[in-house]
PDB file of N, CA and C in Angstrom:
ATOM      1  N   MET A   1     150.064  98.500 -52.161  1.00  0.00           N
ATOM      2  CA  MET A   1     149.366  99.099 -50.968  1.00  0.00           C
ATOM      3  C   MET A   1     148.091  98.291 -50.900  1.00  0.00           C
ATOM      4  N   ALA A   2     147.682  97.879 -49.761  1.00  0.00           N
ATOM      5  CA  ALA A   2     146.445  97.134 -49.539  1.00  0.00           C
ATOM      6  C   ALA A   2     145.277  98.070 -49.614  1.00  0.00           C
ATOM      7  N   SER A   3     144.011  97.496 -50.124  1.00  0.00           N
ATOM      8  CA  SER A   3     142.916  98.307 -50.145  1.00  0.00           C
ATOM      9  C   SER A   3     142.357  98.400 -48.722  1.00  0.00           C
ATOM     10  N   LYS A   4     141.607  99.570 -48.448  1.00  0.00           N
ATOM     11  CA  LYS A   4     141.096  99.799 -47.218  1.00  0.00           C
ATOM     12  C   LYS A   4     139.719  99.122 -47.004  1.00  0.00           C
ATOM     13  N   ARG A   5     139.039  98.784 -48.192  1.00  0.00           N
ATOM     14  CA  ARG A   5     137.783  98.147 -48.020  1.00  0.00           C
ATOM     15  C   ARG A   5     137.860  96.890 -47.502  1.00  0.00           C
ATOM     16  N   SER A   6     136.953  96.427 -46.702  1.00  0.00           N
ATOM     17  CA  SER A   6     136.937  95.117 -46.045  1.00  0.00           C
ATOM     18  C   SER A   6     136.899  93.884 -46.960  1.00  0.00           C
ATOM     19  N   ARG A   7     137.678  93.016 -46.890  1.00  0.00           N
ATOM     20  CA  ARG A   7     137.707  91.851 -47.799  1.00  0.00           C
ATOM     21  C   ARG A   7     136.788  90.735 -47.122  1.00  0.00           C
ATOM     22  N   ARG A   8     135.939  90.156 -47.998  1.00  0.00           N
ATOM     23  CA  ARG A   8     135.146  89.035 -47.492  1.00  0.00           C
ATOM     24  C   ARG A   8     135.913  87.748 -47.819  1.00  0.00           C
ATOM     25  N   HIS A   9     135.759  86.744 -47.030  1.00  0.00           N
ATOM     26  CA  HIS A   9     136.360  85.544 -47.287  1.00  0.00           C
ATOM     27  C   HIS A   9     135.485  84.917 -48.335  1.00  0.00           C
ATOM     28  N   GLU A  10     136.074  83.982 -49.183  1.00  0.00           N
ATOM     29  CA  GLU A  10     135.439  83.442 -50.359  1.00  0.00           C
ATOM     30  C   GLU A  10     134.238  82.566 -49.962  1.00  0.00           C
ATOM     31  N   ALA A  11     134.241  82.135 -48.726  1.00  0.00           N
ATOM     32  CA  ALA A  11     133.045  81.269 -48.182  1.00  0.00           C
ATOM     33  C   ALA A  11     131.982  82.055 -47.555  1.00  0.00           C
ATOM     34  N   ASP A  12     132.210  83.405 -47.443  1.00  0.00           N
ATOM     35  CA  ASP A  12     131.148  84.251 -46.772  1.00  0.00           C
ATOM     36  C   ASP A  12     129.956  84.454 -47.696  1.00  0.00           C
ATOM     37  N   SER A  13     128.803  84.615 -47.114  1.00  0.00           N
ATOM     38  CA  SER A  13     127.638  85.186 -47.896  1.00  0.00           C
ATOM     39  C   SER A  13     127.807  86.588 -47.989  1.00  0.00           C
ATOM     40  N   PHE A  14     127.027  87.209 -48.934  1.00  0.00           N
ATOM     41  CA  PHE A  14     127.121  88.664 -49.222  1.00  0.00           C
ATOM     42  C   PHE A  14     125.937  89.188 -49.691  1.00  0.00           C
ATOM     43  N   THR A  15     125.751  90.565 -49.803  1.00  0.00           N
ATOM     44  CA  THR A  15     124.638  91.267 -50.468  1.00  0.00           C
ATOM     45  C   THR A  15     125.109  91.739 -51.825  1.00  0.00           C
ATOM     46  N   CYS A  16     124.398  91.452 -52.857  1.00  0.00           N
ATOM     47  CA  CYS A  16     124.897  91.819 -54.280  1.00  0.00           C
ATOM     48  C   CYS A  16     125.009  93.270 -54.383  1.00  0.00           C
ATOM     49  N   ILE A  17     126.142  93.702 -54.964  1.00  0.00           N
ATOM     50  CA  ILE A  17     126.461  95.040 -55.203  1.00  0.00           C
ATOM     51  C   ILE A  17     125.612  95.600 -56.340  1.00  0.00           C
ATOM     52  N   HIS A  18     124.995  94.797 -57.131  1.00  0.00           N
ATOM     53  CA  HIS A  18     124.108  95.360 -58.185  1.00  0.00           C
ATOM     54  C   HIS A  18     122.579  95.365 -57.942  1.00  0.00           C
ATOM     55  N   CYS A  19     122.045  94.259 -57.472  1.00  0.00           N
ATOM     56  CA  CYS A  19     120.578  94.082 -57.205  1.00  0.00           C
ATOM     57  C   CYS A  19     120.236  94.161 -55.751  1.00  0.00           C
ATOM     58  N   GLY A  20     121.210  93.980 -54.867  1.00  0.00           N
ATOM     59  CA  GLY A  20     120.900  94.103 -53.508  1.00  0.00           C
ATOM     60  C   GLY A  20     120.345  92.831 -52.740  1.00  0.00           C
ATOM     61  N   GLN A  21     120.226  91.777 -53.468  1.00  0.00           N
ATOM     62  CA  GLN A  21     119.812  90.445 -53.062  1.00  0.00           C
ATOM     63  C   GLN A  21     120.781  89.857 -52.036  1.00  0.00           C
ATOM     64  N   TYR A  22     120.350  89.208 -51.018  1.00  0.00           N
ATOM     65  CA  TYR A  22     121.251  88.422 -50.150  1.00  0.00           C
ATOM     66  C   TYR A  22     121.614  87.174 -50.851  1.00  0.00           C
ATOM     67  N   VAL A  23     122.989  86.835 -50.890  1.00  0.00           N
ATOM     68  CA  VAL A  23     123.524  85.696 -51.630  1.00  0.00           C
ATOM     69  C   VAL A  23     124.214  84.846 -50.587  1.00  0.00           C
ATOM     70  N   ASP A  24     123.709  83.640 -50.482  1.00  0.00           N
ATOM     71  CA  ASP A  24     124.277  82.491 -49.628  1.00  0.00           C
ATOM     72  C   ASP A  24     125.466  81.968 -50.230  1.00  0.00           C
ATOM     73  N   ALA A  25     126.614  81.905 -49.602  1.00  0.00           N
ATOM     74  CA  ALA A  25     127.853  81.441 -50.137  1.00  0.00           C
ATOM     75  C   ALA A  25     127.731  79.903 -50.476  1.00  0.00           C
ATOM     76  N   ARG A  26     126.889  79.233 -49.788  1.00  0.00           N
ATOM     77  CA  ARG A  26     126.664  77.776 -49.974  1.00  0.00           C
ATOM     78  C   ARG A  26     125.788  77.550 -51.049  1.00  0.00           C
ATOM     79  N   SER A  27     126.267  76.823 -52.127  1.00  0.00           N
ATOM     80  CA  SER A  27     125.407  76.546 -53.398  1.00  0.00           C
ATOM     81  C   SER A  27     125.762  75.262 -53.972  1.00  0.00           C
ATOM     82  N   TYR A  28     124.789  74.573 -54.455  1.00  0.00           N
ATOM     83  CA  TYR A  28     125.204  73.358 -55.270  1.00  0.00           C
ATOM     84  C   TYR A  28     125.954  73.783 -56.520  1.00  0.00           C
ATOM     85  N   GLY A  29     126.974  73.087 -56.780  1.00  0.00           N
ATOM     86  CA  GLY A  29     127.776  73.294 -57.907  1.00  0.00           C
ATOM     87  C   GLY A  29     128.910  74.365 -57.872  1.00  0.00           C
ATOM     88  N   THR A  30     129.176  74.880 -56.713  1.00  0.00           N
ATOM     89  CA  THR A  30     130.325  75.727 -56.439  1.00  0.00           C
ATOM     90  C   THR A  30     130.922  75.799 -55.138  1.00  0.00           C
ATOM     91  N   ARG A  31     132.172  75.950 -55.004  1.00  0.00           N
ATOM     92  CA  ARG A  31     132.803  76.098 -53.719  1.00  0.00           C
ATOM     93  C   ARG A  31     133.258  77.553 -53.506  1.00  0.00           C
ATOM     94  N   HIS A  32     133.234  78.285 -54.543  1.00  0.00           N
ATOM     95  CA  HIS A  32     133.721  79.621 -54.403  1.00  0.00           C
ATOM     96  C   HIS A  32     132.677  80.550 -54.981  1.00  0.00           C
ATOM     97  N   ARG A  33     131.705  81.031 -54.277  1.00  0.00           N
ATOM     98  CA  ARG A  33     130.650  81.973 -54.695  1.00  0.00           C
ATOM     99  C   ARG A  33     131.315  83.261 -55.223  1.00  0.00           C
ATOM    100  N   ASN A  34     131.205  83.647 -56.427  1.00  0.00           N
ATOM    101  CA  ASN A  34     131.707  84.903 -56.867  1.00  0.00           C
ATOM    102  C   ASN A  34     130.829  85.847 -57.791  1.00  0.00           C
ATOM    103  N   HIS A  35     129.580  85.390 -57.853  1.00  0.00           N
ATOM    104  CA  HIS A  35     128.628  86.248 -58.448  1.00  0.00           C
ATOM    105  C   HIS A  35     127.187  85.941 -57.876  1.00  0.00           C
ATOM    106  N   CYS A  36     126.325  86.917 -58.210  1.00  0.00           N
ATOM    107  CA  CYS A  36     124.879  86.751 -57.745  1.00  0.00           C
ATOM    108  C   CYS A  36     124.136  86.004 -58.631  1.00  0.00           C
ATOM    109  N   PRO A  37     123.368  85.012 -58.027  1.00  0.00           N
ATOM    110  CA  PRO A  37     122.637  83.980 -58.877  1.00  0.00           C
ATOM    111  C   PRO A  37     121.372  84.609 -59.384  1.00  0.00           C
ATOM    112  N   TYR A  38     120.974  85.764 -58.838  1.00  0.00           N
ATOM    113  CA  TYR A  38     119.849  86.446 -59.406  1.00  0.00           C
ATOM    114  C   TYR A  38     119.985  87.327 -60.720  1.00  0.00           C
ATOM    115  N   CYS A  39     120.936  88.204 -60.537  1.00  0.00           N
ATOM    116  CA  CYS A  39     121.291  89.044 -61.679  1.00  0.00           C
ATOM    117  C   CYS A  39     122.640  88.877 -62.464  1.00  0.00           C
ATOM    118  N   LEU A  40     123.468  87.871 -61.753  1.00  0.00           N
ATOM    119  CA  LEU A  40     124.728  87.442 -62.484  1.00  0.00           C
ATOM    120  C   LEU A  40     125.875  88.327 -62.296  1.00  0.00           C
ATOM    121  N   TRP A  41     125.644  89.638 -61.676  1.00  0.00           N
ATOM    122  CA  TRP A  41     126.675  90.628 -61.608  1.00  0.00           C
ATOM    123  C   TRP A  41     127.737  90.173 -60.430  1.00  0.00           C
ATOM    124  N   SER A  42     128.944  90.616 -60.501  1.00  0.00           N
ATOM    125  CA  SER A  42     129.930  90.288 -59.531  1.00  0.00           C
ATOM    126  C   SER A  42     130.636  91.531 -59.091  1.00  0.00           C
ATOM    127  N   ARG A  43     131.614  91.394 -58.268  1.00  0.00           N
ATOM    128  CA  ARG A  43     132.595  92.425 -57.733  1.00  0.00           C
ATOM    129  C   ARG A  43     133.897  91.960 -58.029  1.00  0.00           C
ATOM    130  N   HIS A  44     134.805  92.941 -58.692  1.00  0.00           N
ATOM    131  CA  HIS A  44     136.064  92.753 -58.930  1.00  0.00           C
ATOM    132  C   HIS A  44     136.906  92.769 -57.546  1.00  0.00           C
ATOM    133  N   VAL A  45     137.220  91.431 -57.042  1.00  0.00           N
ATOM    134  CA  VAL A  45     137.805  91.329 -55.803  1.00  0.00           C
ATOM    135  C   VAL A  45     139.038  90.446 -55.978  1.00  0.00           C
ATOM    136  N   ASP A  46     139.307  89.748 -57.214  1.00  0.00           N
ATOM    137  CA  ASP A  46     140.395  88.896 -57.287  1.00  0.00           C
ATOM    138  C   ASP A  46     141.338  89.430 -58.403  1.00  0.00           C
ATOM    139  N   GLU A  47     142.698  89.135 -58.161  1.00  0.00           N
ATOM    140  CA  GLU A  47     143.627  89.388 -59.166  1.00  0.00           C
ATOM    141  C   GLU A  47     143.823  87.961 -59.799  1.00  0.00           C
ATOM    142  N   SER A  48     143.956  87.000 -58.977  1.00  0.00           N
ATOM    143  CA  SER A  48     144.107  85.615 -59.530  1.00  0.00           C
ATOM    144  C   SER A  48     142.895  84.934 -58.845  1.00  0.00           C
ATOM    145  N   PRO A  49     142.298  83.877 -59.436  1.00  0.00           N
ATOM    146  CA  PRO A  49     141.216  83.135 -58.776  1.00  0.00           C
ATOM    147  C   PRO A  49     141.304  82.915 -57.307  1.00  0.00           C
ATOM    148  N   GLY A  50     140.431  83.378 -56.552  1.00  0.00           N
ATOM    149  CA  GLY A  50     140.376  83.167 -55.113  1.00  0.00           C
ATOM    150  C   GLY A  50     141.208  83.892 -54.144  1.00  0.00           C
ATOM    151  N   ASP A  51     141.965  84.892 -54.723  1.00  0.00           N
ATOM    152  CA  ASP A  51     143.013  85.536 -53.959  1.00  0.00           C
ATOM    153  C   ASP A  51     142.557  86.749 -53.279  1.00  0.00           C
ATOM    154  N   ARG A  52     141.347  87.340 -53.611  1.00  0.00           N
ATOM    155  CA  ARG A  52     140.747  88.501 -52.943  1.00  0.00           C
ATOM    156  C   ARG A  52     141.735  89.554 -52.638  1.00  0.00           C
ATOM    157  N   ARG A  53     142.575  89.790 -53.703  1.00  0.00           N
ATOM    158  CA  ARG A  53     143.621  90.877 -53.626  1.00  0.00           C
ATOM    159  C   ARG A  53     143.429  92.054 -54.567  1.00  0.00           C
ATOM    160  N   SER A  54     142.429  92.149 -55.200  1.00  0.00           N
ATOM    161  CA  SER A  54     142.207  93.206 -56.161  1.00  0.00           C
ATOM    162  C   SER A  54     141.718  94.502 -55.305  1.00  0.00           C
ATOM    163  N   ALA A  55     142.350  95.617 -55.584  1.00  0.00           N
ATOM    164  CA  ALA A  55     142.141  96.983 -54.961  1.00  0.00           C
ATOM    165  C   ALA A  55     140.846  97.545 -55.691  1.00  0.00           C
ATOM    166  N   CYS A  56     140.561  97.161 -56.857  1.00  0.00           N
ATOM    167  CA  CYS A  56     139.551  97.784 -57.743  1.00  0.00           C
ATOM    168  C   CYS A  56     138.148  97.863 -56.950  1.00  0.00           C
ATOM    169  N   GLY A  57     137.593  96.673 -56.836  1.00  0.00           N
ATOM    170  CA  GLY A  57     136.234  96.484 -56.051  1.00  0.00           C
ATOM    171  C   GLY A  57     135.086  96.997 -56.760  1.00  0.00           C
ATOM    172  N   ALA A  58     135.227  97.271 -58.037  1.00  0.00           N
ATOM    173  CA  ALA A  58     134.121  97.854 -58.917  1.00  0.00           C
ATOM    174  C   ALA A  58     133.200  96.648 -59.274  1.00  0.00           C
ATOM    175  N   LYS A  59     132.055  97.041 -59.767  1.00  0.00           N
ATOM    176  CA  LYS A  59     131.055  96.046 -60.227  1.00  0.00           C
ATOM    177  C   LYS A  59     131.583  95.323 -61.472  1.00  0.00           C
ATOM    178  N   MET A  60     131.261  94.039 -61.646  1.00  0.00           N
ATOM    179  CA  MET A  60     131.706  93.225 -62.759  1.00  0.00           C
ATOM    180  C   MET A  60     130.407  92.857 -63.489  1.00  0.00           C
ATOM    181  N   GLN A  61     130.222  93.536 -64.687  1.00  0.00           N
ATOM    182  CA  GLN A  61     128.972  93.295 -65.472  1.00  0.00           C
ATOM    183  C   GLN A  61     129.005  91.929 -66.386  1.00  0.00           C
ATOM    184  N   PRO A  62     128.036  91.146 -66.208  1.00  0.00           N
ATOM    185  CA  PRO A  62     127.989  90.025 -67.059  1.00  0.00           C
ATOM    186  C   PRO A  62     127.764  90.390 -68.484  1.00  0.00           C
ATOM    187  N   ILE A  63     128.660  90.059 -69.407  1.00  0.00           N
ATOM    188  CA  ILE A  63     128.597  90.277 -70.881  1.00  0.00           C
ATOM    189  C   ILE A  63     128.402  89.335 -71.800  1.00  0.00           C
ATOM    190  N   GLY A  64     128.503  88.086 -71.449  1.00  0.00           N
ATOM    191  CA  GLY A  64     128.386  86.939 -72.280  1.00  0.00           C
ATOM    192  C   GLY A  64     128.540  85.577 -71.575  1.00  0.00           C
ATOM    193  N   ILE A  65     128.501  84.580 -72.418  1.00  0.00           N
ATOM    194  CA  ILE A  65     128.575  83.131 -71.838  1.00  0.00           C
ATOM    195  C   ILE A  65     129.600  82.455 -72.643  1.00  0.00           C
ATOM    196  N   GLU A  66     130.399  81.747 -72.040  1.00  0.00           N
ATOM    197  CA  GLU A  66     131.475  80.900 -72.681  1.00  0.00           C
ATOM    198  C   GLU A  66     130.923  79.404 -72.508  1.00  0.00           C
ATOM    199  N   THR A  67     131.042  78.577 -73.313  1.00  0.00           N
ATOM    200  CA  THR A  67     130.762  77.190 -73.303  1.00  0.00           C
ATOM    201  C   THR A  67     132.056  76.324 -73.747  1.00  0.00           C
ATOM    202  N   LYS A  68     132.391  75.357 -72.888  1.00  0.00           N
ATOM    203  CA  LYS A  68     133.453  74.476 -73.151  1.00  0.00           C
ATOM    204  C   LYS A  68     132.945  73.329 -74.001  1.00  0.00           C
ATOM    205  N   ASP A  69     133.894  72.465 -74.449  1.00  0.00           N
ATOM    206  CA  ASP A  69     133.588  71.253 -75.297  1.00  0.00           C
ATOM    207  C   ASP A  69     132.736  70.368 -74.462  1.00  0.00           C
ATOM    208  N   ASP A  70     132.930  70.255 -73.249  1.00  0.00           N
ATOM    209  CA  ASP A  70     132.130  69.345 -72.340  1.00  0.00           C
ATOM    210  C   ASP A  70     130.778  69.868 -71.984  1.00  0.00           C
ATOM    211  N   GLY A  71     130.393  71.118 -72.556  1.00  0.00           N
ATOM    212  CA  GLY A  71     129.227  71.551 -72.280  1.00  0.00           C
ATOM    213  C   GLY A  71     129.070  72.386 -70.984  1.00  0.00           C
ATOM    214  N   GLU A  72     130.157  72.676 -70.190  1.00  0.00           N
ATOM    215  CA  GLU A  72     130.198  73.543 -69.150  1.00  0.00           C
ATOM    216  C   GLU A  72     130.052  74.943 -69.457  1.00  0.00           C
ATOM    217  N   TRP A  73     129.162  75.720 -68.764  1.00  0.00           N
ATOM    218  CA  TRP A  73     129.028  77.226 -69.024  1.00  0.00           C
ATOM    219  C   TRP A  73     129.795  78.019 -68.036  1.00  0.00           C
ATOM    220  N   SER A  74     130.295  79.195 -68.614  1.00  0.00           N
ATOM    221  CA  SER A  74     130.895  80.177 -67.692  1.00  0.00           C
ATOM    222  C   SER A  74     130.385  81.527 -68.007  1.00  0.00           C
ATOM    223  N   ILE A  75     130.325  82.325 -67.092  1.00  0.00           N
ATOM    224  CA  ILE A  75     129.902  83.689 -67.257  1.00  0.00           C
ATOM    225  C   ILE A  75     131.120  84.683 -67.532  1.00  0.00           C
ATOM    226  N   ILE A  76     131.062  85.500 -68.672  1.00  0.00           N
ATOM    227  CA  ILE A  76     132.039  86.366 -68.909  1.00  0.00           C
ATOM    228  C   ILE A  76     131.711  87.793 -68.273  1.00  0.00           C
ATOM    229  N   HIS A  77     132.583  88.285 -67.440  1.00  0.00           N
ATOM    230  CA  HIS A  77     132.292  89.476 -66.683  1.00  0.00           C
ATOM    231  C   HIS A  77     133.376  90.603 -67.123  1.00  0.00           C
ATOM    232  N   ARG A  78     132.878  91.852 -67.313  1.00  0.00           N
ATOM    233  CA  ARG A  78     133.701  92.927 -67.571  1.00  0.00           C
ATOM    234  C   ARG A  78     133.689  93.918 -66.340  1.00  0.00           C
ATOM    235  N   CYS A  79     134.780  94.242 -65.831  1.00  0.00           N
ATOM    236  CA  CYS A  79     134.805  95.231 -64.752  1.00  0.00           C
ATOM    237  C   CYS A  79     134.367  96.732 -65.274  1.00  0.00           C
ATOM    238  N   THR A  80     133.432  97.352 -64.469  1.00  0.00           N
ATOM    239  CA  THR A  80     133.036  98.629 -64.875  1.00  0.00           C
ATOM    240  C   THR A  80     133.991  99.625 -64.410  1.00  0.00           C
ATOM    241  N   GLY A  81     134.975  99.334 -63.689  1.00  0.00           N
ATOM    242  CA  GLY A  81     135.947 100.238 -63.111  1.00  0.00           C
ATOM    243  C   GLY A  81     137.285 100.283 -63.927  1.00  0.00           C
ATOM    244  N   CYS A  82     137.875  99.040 -64.080  1.00  0.00           N
ATOM    245  CA  CYS A  82     139.212  99.059 -64.826  1.00  0.00           C
ATOM    246  C   CYS A  82     139.071  98.277 -66.077  1.00  0.00           C
ATOM    247  N   GLY A  83     137.925  97.728 -66.406  1.00  0.00           N
ATOM    248  CA  GLY A  83     137.770  97.082 -67.845  1.00  0.00           C
ATOM    249  C   GLY A  83     138.375  95.736 -67.848  1.00  0.00           C
ATOM    250  N   VAL A  84     138.973  95.038 -66.944  1.00  0.00           N
ATOM    251  CA  VAL A  84     139.478  93.810 -66.856  1.00  0.00           C
ATOM    252  C   VAL A  84     138.236  92.755 -67.228  1.00  0.00           C
ATOM    253  N   ILE A  85     138.552  91.743 -67.912  1.00  0.00           N
ATOM    254  CA  ILE A  85     137.588  90.705 -68.209  1.00  0.00           C
ATOM    255  C   ILE A  85     138.005  89.425 -67.542  1.00  0.00           C
ATOM    256  N   LYS A  86     136.900  88.804 -66.831  1.00  0.00           N
ATOM    257  CA  LYS A  86     137.289  87.538 -66.121  1.00  0.00           C
ATOM    258  C   LYS A  86     136.038  86.567 -66.538  1.00  0.00           C
ATOM    259  N   VAL A  87     136.391  85.311 -66.505  1.00  0.00           N
ATOM    260  CA  VAL A  87     135.452  84.246 -66.672  1.00  0.00           C
ATOM    261  C   VAL A  87     135.229  83.371 -65.452  1.00  0.00           C
ATOM    262  N   ASN A  88     133.915  83.225 -65.065  1.00  0.00           N
ATOM    263  CA  ASN A  88     133.526  82.487 -63.939  1.00  0.00           C
ATOM    264  C   ASN A  88     132.689  81.459 -64.245  1.00  0.00           C
ATOM    265  N   ARG A  89     132.825  80.307 -63.715  1.00  0.00           N
ATOM    266  CA  ARG A  89     131.918  79.189 -63.978  1.00  0.00           C
ATOM    267  C   ARG A  89     130.434  79.458 -63.328  1.00  0.00           C
ATOM    268  N   ILE A  90     129.573  79.036 -63.938  1.00  0.00           N
ATOM    269  CA  ILE A  90     128.097  79.100 -63.411  1.00  0.00           C
ATOM    270  C   ILE A  90     127.936  78.356 -62.224  1.00  0.00           C
ATOM    271  N   ALA A  91     127.044  78.698 -61.401  1.00  0.00           N
ATOM    272  CA  ALA A  91     126.683  77.857 -60.090  1.00  0.00           C
ATOM    273  C   ALA A  91     125.411  77.130 -60.302  1.00  0.00           C
ATOM    274  N   GLY A  92     125.079  76.130 -59.426  1.00  0.00           N
ATOM    275  CA  GLY A  92     123.980  75.325 -59.537  1.00  0.00           C
ATOM    276  C   GLY A  92     122.719  76.193 -59.259  1.00  0.00           C
ATOM    277  N   ASP A  93     122.797  77.219 -58.453  1.00  0.00           N
ATOM    278  CA  ASP A  93     121.689  78.018 -58.182  1.00  0.00           C
ATOM    279  C   ASP A  93     121.434  79.232 -59.104  1.00  0.00           C
ATOM    280  N   ASP A  94     122.271  79.381 -60.028  1.00  0.00           N
ATOM    281  CA  ASP A  94     122.040  80.559 -60.943  1.00  0.00           C
ATOM    282  C   ASP A  94     120.687  80.589 -61.727  1.00  0.00           C
ATOM    283  N   ARG A  95     120.123  81.723 -61.725  1.00  0.00           N
ATOM    284  CA  ARG A  95     118.726  81.608 -62.337  1.00  0.00           C
ATOM    285  C   ARG A  95     118.731  81.419 -63.813  1.00  0.00           C
ATOM    286  N   GLU A  96     118.078  80.336 -64.332  1.00  0.00           N
ATOM    287  CA  GLU A  96     118.169  79.969 -65.630  1.00  0.00           C
ATOM    288  C   GLU A  96     117.621  81.144 -66.632  1.00  0.00           C
ATOM    289  N   LEU A  97     116.717  81.819 -66.213  1.00  0.00           N
ATOM    290  CA  LEU A  97     116.158  83.041 -67.070  1.00  0.00           C
ATOM    291  C   LEU A  97     117.198  83.976 -67.266  1.00  0.00           C
ATOM    292  N   ALA A  98     117.976  84.278 -66.147  1.00  0.00           N
ATOM    293  CA  ALA A  98     119.062  85.249 -66.259  1.00  0.00           C
ATOM    294  C   ALA A  98     120.216  84.854 -67.260  1.00  0.00           C
ATOM    295  N   LEU A  99     120.516  83.499 -67.147  1.00  0.00           N
ATOM    296  CA  LEU A  99     121.572  82.984 -68.039  1.00  0.00           C
ATOM    297  C   LEU A  99     121.037  82.923 -69.389  1.00  0.00           C
ATOM    298  N   LEU A 100     119.749  82.672 -69.668  1.00  0.00           N
ATOM    299  CA  LEU A 100     119.203  82.618 -71.071  1.00  0.00           C
ATOM    300  C   LEU A 100     119.138  84.028 -71.585  1.00  0.00           C
ATOM    301  N   GLN A 101     118.962  85.076 -70.811  1.00  0.00           N
ATOM    302  CA  GLN A 101     118.751  86.407 -71.273  1.00  0.00           C
ATOM    303  C   GLN A 101     120.185  86.756 -71.716  1.00  0.00           C
ATOM    304  N   LEU A 102     121.180  86.490 -71.001  1.00  0.00           N
ATOM    305  CA  LEU A 102     122.538  86.760 -71.231  1.00  0.00           C
ATOM    306  C   LEU A 102     122.984  86.101 -72.688  1.00  0.00           C
ATOM    307  N   VAL A 103     122.684  84.875 -72.775  1.00  0.00           N
ATOM    308  CA  VAL A 103     122.906  84.156 -74.071  1.00  0.00           C
ATOM    309  C   VAL A 103     122.237  84.829 -75.291  1.00  0.00           C
ATOM    310  N   LEU A 104     120.906  85.191 -75.088  1.00  0.00           N
ATOM    311  CA  LEU A 104     120.100  85.788 -76.237  1.00  0.00           C
ATOM    312  C   LEU A 104     120.360  87.136 -76.510  1.00  0.00           C
ATOM    313  N   LYS A 105     121.049  87.877 -75.558  1.00  0.00           N
ATOM    314  CA  LYS A 105     121.269  89.331 -75.704  1.00  0.00           C
ATOM    315  C   LYS A 105     121.843  89.670 -77.115  1.00  0.00           C
ATOM    316  N   PRO A 106     122.951  89.021 -77.610  1.00  0.00           N
ATOM    317  CA  PRO A 106     123.465  89.405 -78.938  1.00  0.00           C
ATOM    318  C   PRO A 106     122.460  89.197 -80.020  1.00  0.00           C
ATOM    319  N   LEU A 107     121.543  88.270 -79.906  1.00  0.00           N
ATOM    320  CA  LEU A 107     120.555  87.968 -81.030  1.00  0.00           C
ATOM    321  C   LEU A 107     119.559  89.109 -81.034  1.00  0.00           C
ATOM    322  N   SER A 108     119.334  89.600 -79.791  1.00  0.00           N
ATOM    323  CA  SER A 108     118.198  90.671 -79.737  1.00  0.00           C
ATOM    324  C   SER A 108     118.771  91.966 -80.039  1.00  0.00           C
ATOM    325  N   ASN A 109     120.027  92.187 -80.017  1.00  0.00           N
ATOM    326  CA  ASN A 109     120.754  93.502 -80.270  1.00  0.00           C
ATOM    327  C   ASN A 109     121.973  93.166 -81.042  1.00  0.00           C
ATOM    328  N   PRO A 110     121.872  92.744 -82.337  1.00  0.00           N
ATOM    329  CA  PRO A 110     123.237  92.360 -83.012  1.00  0.00           C
ATOM    330  C   PRO A 110     124.109  93.531 -83.243  1.00  0.00           C
ATOM    331  N   PRO A 111     125.412  93.282 -83.372  1.00  0.00           N
ATOM    332  CA  PRO A 111     126.342  94.412 -83.679  1.00  0.00           C
ATOM    333  C   PRO A 111     126.468  94.908 -85.015  1.00  0.00           C
ATOM    334  N   PHE A 112     125.459  94.456 -85.974  1.00  0.00           N
ATOM    335  CA  PHE A 112     125.444  94.789 -87.342  1.00  0.00           C
ATOM    336  C   PHE A 112     124.020  94.865 -87.802  1.00  0.00           C
ATOM    337  N   PRO A 113     123.704  95.611 -88.798  1.00  0.00           N
ATOM    338  CA  PRO A 113     122.280  95.772 -89.282  1.00  0.00           C
ATOM    339  C   PRO A 113     121.818  94.394 -89.996  1.00  0.00           C
ATOM    340  N   LEU A 114     120.655  93.913 -89.653  1.00  0.00           N
ATOM    341  CA  LEU A 114     120.181  92.749 -90.120  1.00  0.00           C
ATOM    342  C   LEU A 114     119.298  93.026 -91.528  1.00  0.00           C
ATOM    343  N   ASP A 115     119.003  94.142 -91.785  1.00  0.00           N
ATOM    344  CA  ASP A 115     118.224  94.476 -92.877  1.00  0.00           C
ATOM    345  C   ASP A 115     119.028  94.346 -94.268  1.00  0.00           C
ATOM    346  N   HIS A 116     120.334  94.237 -94.064  1.00  0.00           N
ATOM    347  CA  HIS A 116     121.202  94.023 -95.259  1.00  0.00           C
ATOM    348  C   HIS A 116     121.491  92.653 -95.675  1.00  0.00           C
ATOM    349  N   LEU A 117     120.985  91.765 -94.810  1.00  0.00           N
ATOM    350  CA  LEU A 117     121.236  90.244 -94.988  1.00  0.00           C
ATOM    351  C   LEU A 117     120.277  89.783 -96.103  1.00  0.00           C
ATOM    352  N   PRO A 118     120.870  88.796 -96.975  1.00  0.00           N
ATOM    353  CA  PRO A 118     119.834  88.204 -97.983  1.00  0.00           C
ATOM    354  C   PRO A 118     118.843  87.447 -97.473  1.00  0.00           C
ATOM    355  N   VAL A 119     117.588  87.361 -97.894  1.00  0.00           N
ATOM    356  CA  VAL A 119     116.508  86.636 -97.322  1.00  0.00           C
ATOM    357  C   VAL A 119     116.588  85.288 -97.757  1.00  0.00           C
TER     358      VAL A 119
END
């Protein structure tokens, strides 16, 4: 059954579901704008890349960065509604500080206690 919420075309500009910034779909380095360049959040709209068929529509939280052997970066998103994890290439206008904060997050809040490590 199709979702009743309106679907935006992948080439349309949009307002970020998380920070409220206007996001222009035209950007250096991407043909398919799928996340906000300011806060890096997205919306769960795809089942498969570019299909805009997901009925979920929840916020997609940026949780990490993936790097390929060729140096290309991608943002790892987790859906706050259904928990699905998706990987999206960064875009040419993504804020460098937001990307670096995402990269450094595990170092500032490690998943294990640091006080037990040998000095």
